[in-house]
Amino acid sequence: MRDIYRVIKRPVVTEKSNRLNEKLNQVVFEVDWSASKSEIKLAVEKIFNVKVDKVRTVRIAAKRKRYGRRMVQRQSAWKKAFVSLQEGSKIDFYEGT
């Protein structure tokens, strides 16, 4: 078992993720490339003290750009997890504001 703080790297806070949080009670995280759904579920439940209903993952490809004849990588590949929380559970990233 891996350290739960290495499974979840950071929350993804965008307009789309905020909309998912409000309407569907889902939270989006950037997670470790090799993390499984069960590891992600366990890490979110332990760190935030919530009950997780479902986890969906997406692997985001690296962004590539052409400079002359060369193709270079602008952003490395990463993995995104959509975590659906059970009814009554909530994670708020803007508690202080």
PDB file of N, CA and C in Angstrom:
ATOM      1  N   MET A   1       0.835  -1.189   0.000  1.00  0.00           N
ATOM      2  CA  MET A   1       0.000   0.000   0.000  1.00  0.00           C
ATOM      3  C   MET A   1       0.875   1.247   0.000  1.00  0.00           C
ATOM      4  N   ARG A   2       0.555   2.143  -0.870  1.00  0.00           N
ATOM      5  CA  ARG A   2       1.285   3.392  -0.990  1.00  0.00           C
ATOM      6  C   ARG A   2       0.824   4.423   0.031  1.00  0.00           C
ATOM      7  N   ASP A   3       1.625   5.442   0.219  1.00  0.00           N
ATOM      8  CA  ASP A   3       1.255   6.565   1.073  1.00  0.00           C
ATOM      9  C   ASP A   3       0.085   7.293   0.419  1.00  0.00           C
ATOM     10  N   ILE A   4      -0.970   7.567   1.185  1.00  0.00           N
ATOM     11  CA  ILE A   4      -2.176   8.174   0.604  1.00  0.00           C
ATOM     12  C   ILE A   4      -1.919   9.594   0.122  1.00  0.00           C
ATOM     13  N   TYR A   5      -0.916  10.247   0.685  1.00  0.00           N
ATOM     14  CA  TYR A   5      -0.624  11.614   0.258  1.00  0.00           C
ATOM     15  C   TYR A   5       0.184  11.653  -1.037  1.00  0.00           C
ATOM     16  N   ARG A   6       0.671  10.519  -1.502  1.00  0.00           N
ATOM     17  CA  ARG A   6       1.337  10.465  -2.809  1.00  0.00           C
ATOM     18  C   ARG A   6       0.381  10.042  -3.907  1.00  0.00           C
ATOM     19  N   VAL A   7      -0.749   9.469  -3.539  1.00  0.00           N
ATOM     20  CA  VAL A   7      -1.750   9.056  -4.529  1.00  0.00           C
ATOM     21  C   VAL A   7      -2.428  10.292  -5.107  1.00  0.00           C
ATOM     22  N   ILE A   8      -2.862  11.206  -4.239  1.00  0.00           N
ATOM     23  CA  ILE A   8      -3.531  12.431  -4.673  1.00  0.00           C
ATOM     24  C   ILE A   8      -2.502  13.545  -4.707  1.00  0.00           C
ATOM     25  N   LYS A   9      -2.324  14.147  -5.885  1.00  0.00           N
ATOM     26  CA  LYS A   9      -1.333  15.219  -6.023  1.00  0.00           C
ATOM     27  C   LYS A   9      -1.925  16.583  -5.697  1.00  0.00           C
ATOM     28  N   ARG A  10      -3.072  16.901  -6.319  1.00  0.00           N
ATOM     29  CA  ARG A  10      -3.688  18.209  -6.089  1.00  0.00           C
ATOM     30  C   ARG A  10      -5.120  18.194  -6.602  1.00  0.00           C
ATOM     31  N   PRO A  11      -5.977  19.070  -6.099  1.00  0.00           N
ATOM     32  CA  PRO A  11      -7.314  19.193  -6.681  1.00  0.00           C
ATOM     33  C   PRO A  11      -7.240  19.999  -7.973  1.00  0.00           C
ATOM     34  N   VAL A  12      -8.095  19.673  -8.903  1.00  0.00           N
ATOM     35  CA  VAL A  12      -8.187  20.418 -10.152  1.00  0.00           C
ATOM     36  C   VAL A  12      -9.360  21.380  -9.992  1.00  0.00           C
ATOM     37  N   VAL A  13      -9.057  22.670  -9.910  1.00  0.00           N
ATOM     38  CA  VAL A  13     -10.083  23.680  -9.691  1.00  0.00           C
ATOM     39  C   VAL A  13     -10.231  24.493 -10.972  1.00  0.00           C
ATOM     40  N   THR A  14     -11.271  24.172 -11.723  1.00  0.00           N
ATOM     41  CA  THR A  14     -11.602  24.879 -12.955  1.00  0.00           C
ATOM     42  C   THR A  14     -13.096  25.182 -12.947  1.00  0.00           C
ATOM     43  N   GLU A  15     -13.574  25.885 -13.951  1.00  0.00           N
ATOM     44  CA  GLU A  15     -15.002  26.166 -14.040  1.00  0.00           C
ATOM     45  C   GLU A  15     -15.800  24.878 -14.195  1.00  0.00           C
ATOM     46  N   LYS A  16     -15.291  23.963 -14.993  1.00  0.00           N
ATOM     47  CA  LYS A  16     -15.991  22.699 -15.199  1.00  0.00           C
ATOM     48  C   LYS A  16     -16.024  21.868 -13.918  1.00  0.00           C
ATOM     49  N   SER A  17     -14.913  21.809 -13.201  1.00  0.00           N
ATOM     50  CA  SER A  17     -14.897  21.025 -11.963  1.00  0.00           C
ATOM     51  C   SER A  17     -15.798  21.659 -10.900  1.00  0.00           C
ATOM     52  N   ASN A  18     -15.874  22.982 -10.853  1.00  0.00           N
ATOM     53  CA  ASN A  18     -16.780  23.647  -9.918  1.00  0.00           C
ATOM     54  C   ASN A  18     -18.241  23.343 -10.249  1.00  0.00           C
ATOM     55  N   ARG A  19     -18.558  23.299 -11.538  1.00  0.00           N
ATOM     56  CA  ARG A  19     -19.915  22.959 -11.968  1.00  0.00           C
ATOM     57  C   ARG A  19     -20.265  21.518 -11.587  1.00  0.00           C
ATOM     58  N   LEU A  20     -19.306  20.587 -11.772  1.00  0.00           N
ATOM     59  CA  LEU A  20     -19.526  19.200 -11.383  1.00  0.00           C
ATOM     60  C   LEU A  20     -19.725  19.079  -9.881  1.00  0.00           C
ATOM     61  N   ASN A  21     -18.989  19.866  -9.114  1.00  0.00           N
ATOM     62  CA  ASN A  21     -19.114  19.831  -7.663  1.00  0.00           C
ATOM     63  C   ASN A  21     -20.493  20.312  -7.227  1.00  0.00           C
ATOM     64  N   GLU A  22     -21.000  21.364  -7.847  1.00  0.00           N
ATOM     65  CA  GLU A  22     -22.293  21.919  -7.467  1.00  0.00           C
ATOM     66  C   GLU A  22     -23.453  21.030  -7.900  1.00  0.00           C
ATOM     67  N   LYS A  23     -23.427  20.553  -9.134  1.00  0.00           N
ATOM     68  CA  LYS A  23     -24.581  19.831  -9.679  1.00  0.00           C
ATOM     69  C   LYS A  23     -24.582  18.344  -9.364  1.00  0.00           C
ATOM     70  N   LEU A  24     -23.421  17.673  -9.453  1.00  0.00           N
ATOM     71  CA  LEU A  24     -23.371  16.219  -9.325  1.00  0.00           C
ATOM     72  C   LEU A  24     -22.633  15.732  -8.084  1.00  0.00           C
ATOM     73  N   ASN A  25     -22.165  16.657  -7.238  1.00  0.00           N
ATOM     74  CA  ASN A  25     -21.405  16.313  -6.032  1.00  0.00           C
ATOM     75  C   ASN A  25     -20.163  15.485  -6.387  1.00  0.00           C
ATOM     76  N   GLN A  26     -19.423  15.940  -7.406  1.00  0.00           N
ATOM     77  CA  GLN A  26     -18.178  15.299  -7.830  1.00  0.00           C
ATOM     78  C   GLN A  26     -17.012  16.246  -7.609  1.00  0.00           C
ATOM     79  N   VAL A  27     -15.863  15.674  -7.273  1.00  0.00           N
ATOM     80  CA  VAL A  27     -14.640  16.443  -7.078  1.00  0.00           C
ATOM     81  C   VAL A  27     -13.584  15.874  -8.022  1.00  0.00           C
ATOM     82  N   VAL A  28     -12.735  16.743  -8.585  1.00  0.00           N
ATOM     83  CA  VAL A  28     -11.732  16.329  -9.553  1.00  0.00           C
ATOM     84  C   VAL A  28     -10.344  16.510  -8.940  1.00  0.00           C
ATOM     85  N   PHE A  29      -9.506  15.462  -9.071  1.00  0.00           N
ATOM     86  CA  PHE A  29      -8.145  15.495  -8.542  1.00  0.00           C
ATOM     87  C   PHE A  29      -7.153  15.078  -9.610  1.00  0.00           C
ATOM     88  N   GLU A  30      -5.933  15.629  -9.532  1.00  0.00           N
ATOM     89  CA  GLU A  30      -4.811  15.087 -10.283  1.00  0.00           C
ATOM     90  C   GLU A  30      -4.197  14.022  -9.389  1.00  0.00           C
ATOM     91  N   VAL A  31      -4.044  12.812  -9.941  1.00  0.00           N
ATOM     92  CA  VAL A  31      -3.561  11.687  -9.142  1.00  0.00           C
ATOM     93  C   VAL A  31      -2.303  11.105  -9.765  1.00  0.00           C
ATOM     94  N   ASP A  32      -1.653  10.215  -9.010  1.00  0.00           N
ATOM     95  CA  ASP A  32      -0.458   9.542  -9.490  1.00  0.00           C
ATOM     96  C   ASP A  32      -0.794   8.701 -10.716  1.00  0.00           C
ATOM     97  N   TRP A  33       0.130   8.636 -11.655  1.00  0.00           N
ATOM     98  CA  TRP A  33      -0.085   7.950 -12.934  1.00  0.00           C
ATOM     99  C   TRP A  33      -0.448   6.477 -12.740  1.00  0.00           C
ATOM    100  N   SER A  34       0.126   5.827 -11.733  1.00  0.00           N
ATOM    101  CA  SER A  34      -0.107   4.397 -11.543  1.00  0.00           C
ATOM    102  C   SER A  34      -1.127   4.083 -10.452  1.00  0.00           C
ATOM    103  N   ALA A  35      -1.854   5.079  -9.960  1.00  0.00           N
ATOM    104  CA  ALA A  35      -2.836   4.858  -8.892  1.00  0.00           C
ATOM    105  C   ALA A  35      -4.074   4.160  -9.436  1.00  0.00           C
ATOM    106  N   SER A  36      -4.573   3.176  -8.678  1.00  0.00           N
ATOM    107  CA  SER A  36      -5.789   2.476  -9.076  1.00  0.00           C
ATOM    108  C   SER A  36      -7.004   3.180  -8.473  1.00  0.00           C
ATOM    109  N   LYS A  37      -8.188   2.804  -8.947  1.00  0.00           N
ATOM    110  CA  LYS A  37      -9.408   3.424  -8.456  1.00  0.00           C
ATOM    111  C   LYS A  37      -9.622   3.145  -6.972  1.00  0.00           C
ATOM    112  N   SER A  38      -9.302   1.950  -6.541  1.00  0.00           N
ATOM    113  CA  SER A  38      -9.486   1.620  -5.127  1.00  0.00           C
ATOM    114  C   SER A  38      -8.523   2.411  -4.242  1.00  0.00           C
ATOM    115  N   GLU A  39      -7.284   2.638  -4.700  1.00  0.00           N
ATOM    116  CA  GLU A  39      -6.335   3.452  -3.944  1.00  0.00           C
ATOM    117  C   GLU A  39      -6.799   4.901  -3.863  1.00  0.00           C
ATOM    118  N   ILE A  40      -7.345   5.415  -4.960  1.00  0.00           N
ATOM    119  CA  ILE A  40      -7.842   6.793  -4.986  1.00  0.00           C
ATOM    120  C   ILE A  40      -9.021   6.937  -4.024  1.00  0.00           C
ATOM    121  N   LYS A  41      -9.929   5.975  -4.054  1.00  0.00           N
ATOM    122  CA  LYS A  41     -11.094   6.010  -3.164  1.00  0.00           C
ATOM    123  C   LYS A  41     -10.662   6.007  -1.706  1.00  0.00           C
ATOM    124  N   LEU A  42      -9.743   5.130  -1.343  1.00  0.00           N
ATOM    125  CA  LEU A  42      -9.264   5.030   0.027  1.00  0.00           C
ATOM    126  C   LEU A  42      -8.563   6.320   0.461  1.00  0.00           C
ATOM    127  N   ALA A  43      -7.753   6.891  -0.418  1.00  0.00           N
ATOM    128  CA  ALA A  43      -7.019   8.120  -0.085  1.00  0.00           C
ATOM    129  C   ALA A  43      -7.973   9.286   0.145  1.00  0.00           C
ATOM    130  N   VAL A  44      -8.978   9.449  -0.712  1.00  0.00           N
ATOM    131  CA  VAL A  44      -9.929  10.559  -0.560  1.00  0.00           C
ATOM    132  C   VAL A  44     -10.737  10.384   0.720  1.00  0.00           C
ATOM    133  N   GLU A  45     -11.168   9.165   1.009  1.00  0.00           N
ATOM    134  CA  GLU A  45     -11.949   8.925   2.227  1.00  0.00           C
ATOM    135  C   GLU A  45     -11.136   9.217   3.482  1.00  0.00           C
ATOM    136  N   LYS A  46      -9.857   8.856   3.491  1.00  0.00           N
ATOM    137  CA  LYS A  46      -9.038   9.074   4.689  1.00  0.00           C
ATOM    138  C   LYS A  46      -8.617  10.534   4.847  1.00  0.00           C
ATOM    139  N   ILE A  47      -8.263  11.191   3.757  1.00  0.00           N
ATOM    140  CA  ILE A  47      -7.771  12.576   3.852  1.00  0.00           C
ATOM    141  C   ILE A  47      -8.901  13.547   4.190  1.00  0.00           C
ATOM    142  N   PHE A  48     -10.064  13.418   3.517  1.00  0.00           N
ATOM    143  CA  PHE A  48     -11.129  14.411   3.647  1.00  0.00           C
ATOM    144  C   PHE A  48     -12.283  13.972   4.543  1.00  0.00           C
ATOM    145  N   ASN A  49     -12.253  12.746   5.099  1.00  0.00           N
ATOM    146  CA  ASN A  49     -13.329  12.229   5.954  1.00  0.00           C
ATOM    147  C   ASN A  49     -14.694  12.304   5.282  1.00  0.00           C
ATOM    148  N   VAL A  50     -14.784  11.771   4.068  1.00  0.00           N
ATOM    149  CA  VAL A  50     -16.032  11.703   3.319  1.00  0.00           C
ATOM    150  C   VAL A  50     -16.238  10.269   2.844  1.00  0.00           C
ATOM    151  N   LYS A  51     -17.442   9.981   2.369  1.00  0.00           N
ATOM    152  CA  LYS A  51     -17.744   8.678   1.793  1.00  0.00           C
ATOM    153  C   LYS A  51     -17.781   8.820   0.276  1.00  0.00           C
ATOM    154  N   VAL A  52     -16.997   7.981  -0.408  1.00  0.00           N
ATOM    155  CA  VAL A  52     -16.895   8.023  -1.868  1.00  0.00           C
ATOM    156  C   VAL A  52     -17.832   6.982  -2.456  1.00  0.00           C
ATOM    157  N   ASP A  53     -18.594   7.401  -3.459  1.00  0.00           N
ATOM    158  CA  ASP A  53     -19.526   6.500  -4.127  1.00  0.00           C
ATOM    159  C   ASP A  53     -18.871   5.819  -5.323  1.00  0.00           C
ATOM    160  N   LYS A  54     -18.195   6.605  -6.181  1.00  0.00           N
ATOM    161  CA  LYS A  54     -17.641   6.067  -7.419  1.00  0.00           C
ATOM    162  C   LYS A  54     -16.428   6.888  -7.837  1.00  0.00           C
ATOM    163  N   VAL A  55     -15.483   6.238  -8.525  1.00  0.00           N
ATOM    164  CA  VAL A  55     -14.283   6.918  -9.031  1.00  0.00           C
ATOM    165  C   VAL A  55     -14.142   6.604 -10.513  1.00  0.00           C
ATOM    166  N   ARG A  56     -13.973   7.645 -11.319  1.00  0.00           N
ATOM    167  CA  ARG A  56     -13.680   7.478 -12.746  1.00  0.00           C
ATOM    168  C   ARG A  56     -12.339   8.127 -13.025  1.00  0.00           C
ATOM    169  N   THR A  57     -11.520   7.508 -13.865  1.00  0.00           N
ATOM    170  CA  THR A  57     -10.194   8.051 -14.155  1.00  0.00           C
ATOM    171  C   THR A  57     -10.021   8.277 -15.649  1.00  0.00           C
ATOM    172  N   VAL A  58      -9.184   9.263 -15.972  1.00  0.00           N
ATOM    173  CA  VAL A  58      -8.863   9.603 -17.354  1.00  0.00           C
ATOM    174  C   VAL A  58      -7.372   9.881 -17.421  1.00  0.00           C
ATOM    175  N   ARG A  59      -6.706   9.316 -18.412  1.00  0.00           N
ATOM    176  CA  ARG A  59      -5.288   9.624 -18.633  1.00  0.00           C
ATOM    177  C   ARG A  59      -5.193  10.712 -19.691  1.00  0.00           C
ATOM    178  N   ILE A  60      -4.603  11.831 -19.321  1.00  0.00           N
ATOM    179  CA  ILE A  60      -4.482  12.990 -20.203  1.00  0.00           C
ATOM    180  C   ILE A  60      -3.139  12.897 -20.922  1.00  0.00           C
ATOM    181  N   ALA A  61      -3.181  12.942 -22.232  1.00  0.00           N
ATOM    182  CA  ALA A  61      -1.962  12.832 -23.034  1.00  0.00           C
ATOM    183  C   ALA A  61      -1.114  14.089 -22.916  1.00  0.00           C
ATOM    184  N   ALA A  62       0.166  13.949 -23.195  1.00  0.00           N
ATOM    185  CA  ALA A  62       1.095  15.079 -23.149  1.00  0.00           C
ATOM    186  C   ALA A  62       0.794  16.046 -24.282  1.00  0.00           C
ATOM    187  N   LYS A  63       0.962  17.327 -24.017  1.00  0.00           N
ATOM    188  CA  LYS A  63       0.769  18.354 -25.041  1.00  0.00           C
ATOM    189  C   LYS A  63       2.058  18.478 -25.843  1.00  0.00           C
ATOM    190  N   ARG A  64       1.930  18.427 -27.137  1.00  0.00           N
ATOM    191  CA  ARG A  64       3.109  18.519 -28.005  1.00  0.00           C
ATOM    192  C   ARG A  64       2.973  19.730 -28.914  1.00  0.00           C
ATOM    193  N   LYS A  65       4.121  20.330 -29.242  1.00  0.00           N
ATOM    194  CA  LYS A  65       4.144  21.504 -30.109  1.00  0.00           C
ATOM    195  C   LYS A  65       5.332  21.404 -31.051  1.00  0.00           C
ATOM    196  N   ARG A  66       5.177  21.955 -32.213  1.00  0.00           N
ATOM    197  CA  ARG A  66       6.249  21.917 -33.201  1.00  0.00           C
ATOM    198  C   ARG A  66       7.062  23.208 -33.140  1.00  0.00           C
ATOM    199  N   TYR A  67       8.385  23.051 -33.001  1.00  0.00           N
ATOM    200  CA  TYR A  67       9.324  24.159 -33.107  1.00  0.00           C
ATOM    201  C   TYR A  67      10.222  23.848 -34.287  1.00  0.00           C
ATOM    202  N   GLY A  68       9.951  24.466 -35.422  1.00  0.00           N
ATOM    203  CA  GLY A  68      10.711  24.168 -36.639  1.00  0.00           C
ATOM    204  C   GLY A  68      10.467  22.731 -37.055  1.00  0.00           C
ATOM    205  N   ARG A  69      11.532  21.941 -37.124  1.00  0.00           N
ATOM    206  CA  ARG A  69      11.388  20.527 -37.487  1.00  0.00           C
ATOM    207  C   ARG A  69      11.175  19.632 -36.282  1.00  0.00           C
ATOM    208  N   ARG A  70      11.387  20.160 -35.105  1.00  0.00           N
ATOM    209  CA  ARG A  70      11.309  19.335 -33.898  1.00  0.00           C
ATOM    210  C   ARG A  70       9.932  19.377 -33.262  1.00  0.00           C
ATOM    211  N   MET A  71       9.542  18.240 -32.699  1.00  0.00           N
ATOM    212  CA  MET A  71       8.342  18.180 -31.875  1.00  0.00           C
ATOM    213  C   MET A  71       8.803  18.152 -30.415  1.00  0.00           C
ATOM    214  N   VAL A  72       8.318  19.084 -29.619  1.00  0.00           N
ATOM    215  CA  VAL A  72       8.696  19.136 -28.221  1.00  0.00           C
ATOM    216  C   VAL A  72       7.445  18.974 -27.354  1.00  0.00           C
ATOM    217  N   GLN A  73       7.680  18.583 -26.140  1.00  0.00           N
ATOM    218  CA  GLN A  73       6.591  18.338 -25.215  1.00  0.00           C
ATOM    219  C   GLN A  73       6.447  19.541 -24.304  1.00  0.00           C
ATOM    220  N   ARG A  74       5.283  20.188 -24.327  1.00  0.00           N
ATOM    221  CA  ARG A  74       5.049  21.358 -23.482  1.00  0.00           C
ATOM    222  C   ARG A  74       4.603  20.977 -22.079  1.00  0.00           C
ATOM    223  N   GLN A  75       3.757  19.975 -21.986  1.00  0.00           N
ATOM    224  CA  GLN A  75       3.220  19.558 -20.695  1.00  0.00           C
ATOM    225  C   GLN A  75       3.281  18.041 -20.638  1.00  0.00           C
ATOM    226  N   SER A  76       3.703  17.488 -19.522  1.00  0.00           N
ATOM    227  CA  SER A  76       3.804  16.041 -19.418  1.00  0.00           C
ATOM    228  C   SER A  76       2.415  15.420 -19.239  1.00  0.00           C
ATOM    229  N   ALA A  77       2.339  14.131 -19.497  1.00  0.00           N
ATOM    230  CA  ALA A  77       1.081  13.404 -19.343  1.00  0.00           C
ATOM    231  C   ALA A  77       0.730  13.296 -17.865  1.00  0.00           C
ATOM    232  N   TRP A  78      -0.572  13.259 -17.538  1.00  0.00           N
ATOM    233  CA  TRP A  78      -1.027  13.150 -16.168  1.00  0.00           C
ATOM    234  C   TRP A  78      -2.347  12.408 -16.112  1.00  0.00           C
ATOM    235  N   LYS A  79      -2.777  12.072 -14.918  1.00  0.00           N
ATOM    236  CA  LYS A  79      -3.990  11.293 -14.725  1.00  0.00           C
ATOM    237  C   LYS A  79      -4.968  12.091 -13.873  1.00  0.00           C
ATOM    238  N   LYS A  80      -6.222  12.117 -14.311  1.00  0.00           N
ATOM    239  CA  LYS A  80      -7.266  12.870 -13.631  1.00  0.00           C
ATOM    240  C   LYS A  80      -8.295  11.886 -13.074  1.00  0.00           C
ATOM    241  N   ALA A  81      -8.792  12.141 -11.862  1.00  0.00           N
ATOM    242  CA  ALA A  81      -9.799  11.287 -11.247  1.00  0.00           C
ATOM    243  C   ALA A  81     -11.031  12.114 -10.920  1.00  0.00           C
ATOM    244  N   PHE A  82     -12.196  11.633 -11.379  1.00  0.00           N
ATOM    245  CA  PHE A  82     -13.483  12.222 -11.035  1.00  0.00           C
ATOM    246  C   PHE A  82     -14.051  11.390  -9.894  1.00  0.00           C
ATOM    247  N   VAL A  83     -14.179  11.983  -8.718  1.00  0.00           N
ATOM    248  CA  VAL A  83     -14.624  11.261  -7.525  1.00  0.00           C
ATOM    249  C   VAL A  83     -16.045  11.691  -7.196  1.00  0.00           C
ATOM    250  N   SER A  84     -16.990  10.757  -7.268  1.00  0.00           N
ATOM    251  CA  SER A  84     -18.382  11.022  -6.901  1.00  0.00           C
ATOM    252  C   SER A  84     -18.555  10.745  -5.419  1.00  0.00           C
ATOM    253  N   LEU A  85     -19.077  11.731  -4.698  1.00  0.00           N
ATOM    254  CA  LEU A  85     -19.273  11.596  -3.261  1.00  0.00           C
ATOM    255  C   LEU A  85     -20.698  11.149  -2.975  1.00  0.00           C
ATOM    256  N   GLN A  86     -20.871  10.421  -1.872  1.00  0.00           N
ATOM    257  CA  GLN A  86     -22.200   9.984  -1.474  1.00  0.00           C
ATOM    258  C   GLN A  86     -23.008  11.173  -0.985  1.00  0.00           C
ATOM    259  N   GLU A  87     -24.325  11.001  -0.942  1.00  0.00           N
ATOM    260  CA  GLU A  87     -25.223  12.056  -0.499  1.00  0.00           C
ATOM    261  C   GLU A  87     -24.875  12.463   0.927  1.00  0.00           C
ATOM    262  N   GLY A  88     -24.767  13.751   1.161  1.00  0.00           N
ATOM    263  CA  GLY A  88     -24.432  14.254   2.489  1.00  0.00           C
ATOM    264  C   GLY A  88     -22.951  14.532   2.679  1.00  0.00           C
ATOM    265  N   SER A  89     -22.092  13.997   1.829  1.00  0.00           N
ATOM    266  CA  SER A  89     -20.653  14.264   1.908  1.00  0.00           C
ATOM    267  C   SER A  89     -20.314  15.440   1.017  1.00  0.00           C
ATOM    268  N   LYS A  90     -19.378  16.274   1.467  1.00  0.00           N
ATOM    269  CA  LYS A  90     -19.013  17.458   0.690  1.00  0.00           C
ATOM    270  C   LYS A  90     -17.567  17.816   0.974  1.00  0.00           C
ATOM    271  N   ILE A  91     -16.844  18.215  -0.066  1.00  0.00           N
ATOM    272  CA  ILE A  91     -15.488  18.740   0.063  1.00  0.00           C
ATOM    273  C   ILE A  91     -15.523  20.169  -0.465  1.00  0.00           C
ATOM    274  N   ASP A  92     -15.138  21.127   0.375  1.00  0.00           N
ATOM    275  CA  ASP A  92     -15.135  22.514  -0.033  1.00  0.00           C
ATOM    276  C   ASP A  92     -13.701  23.034   0.006  1.00  0.00           C
ATOM    277  N   PHE A  93     -13.174  23.447  -1.127  1.00  0.00           N
ATOM    278  CA  PHE A  93     -11.790  23.931  -1.206  1.00  0.00           C
ATOM    279  C   PHE A  93     -11.694  25.411  -0.861  1.00  0.00           C
ATOM    280  N   TYR A  94     -12.828  26.110  -0.718  1.00  0.00           N
ATOM    281  CA  TYR A  94     -12.824  27.541  -0.446  1.00  0.00           C
ATOM    282  C   TYR A  94     -13.453  27.837   0.913  1.00  0.00           C
ATOM    283  N   GLU A  95     -13.068  27.120   1.957  1.00  0.00           N
ATOM    284  CA  GLU A  95     -13.665  27.293   3.281  1.00  0.00           C
ATOM    285  C   GLU A  95     -13.383  28.662   3.868  1.00  0.00           C
ATOM    286  N   GLY A  96     -12.173  29.185   3.680  1.00  0.00           N
ATOM    287  CA  GLY A  96     -11.791  30.446   4.307  1.00  0.00           C
ATOM    288  C   GLY A  96     -12.347  31.679   3.633  1.00  0.00           C
ATOM    289  N   THR A  97     -12.848  31.562   2.394  1.00  0.00           N
ATOM    290  CA  THR A  97     -13.313  32.741   1.676  1.00  0.00           C
ATOM    291  C   THR A  97     -14.801  32.858   1.659  1.00  0.00           C
TER     292      THR A  97
END
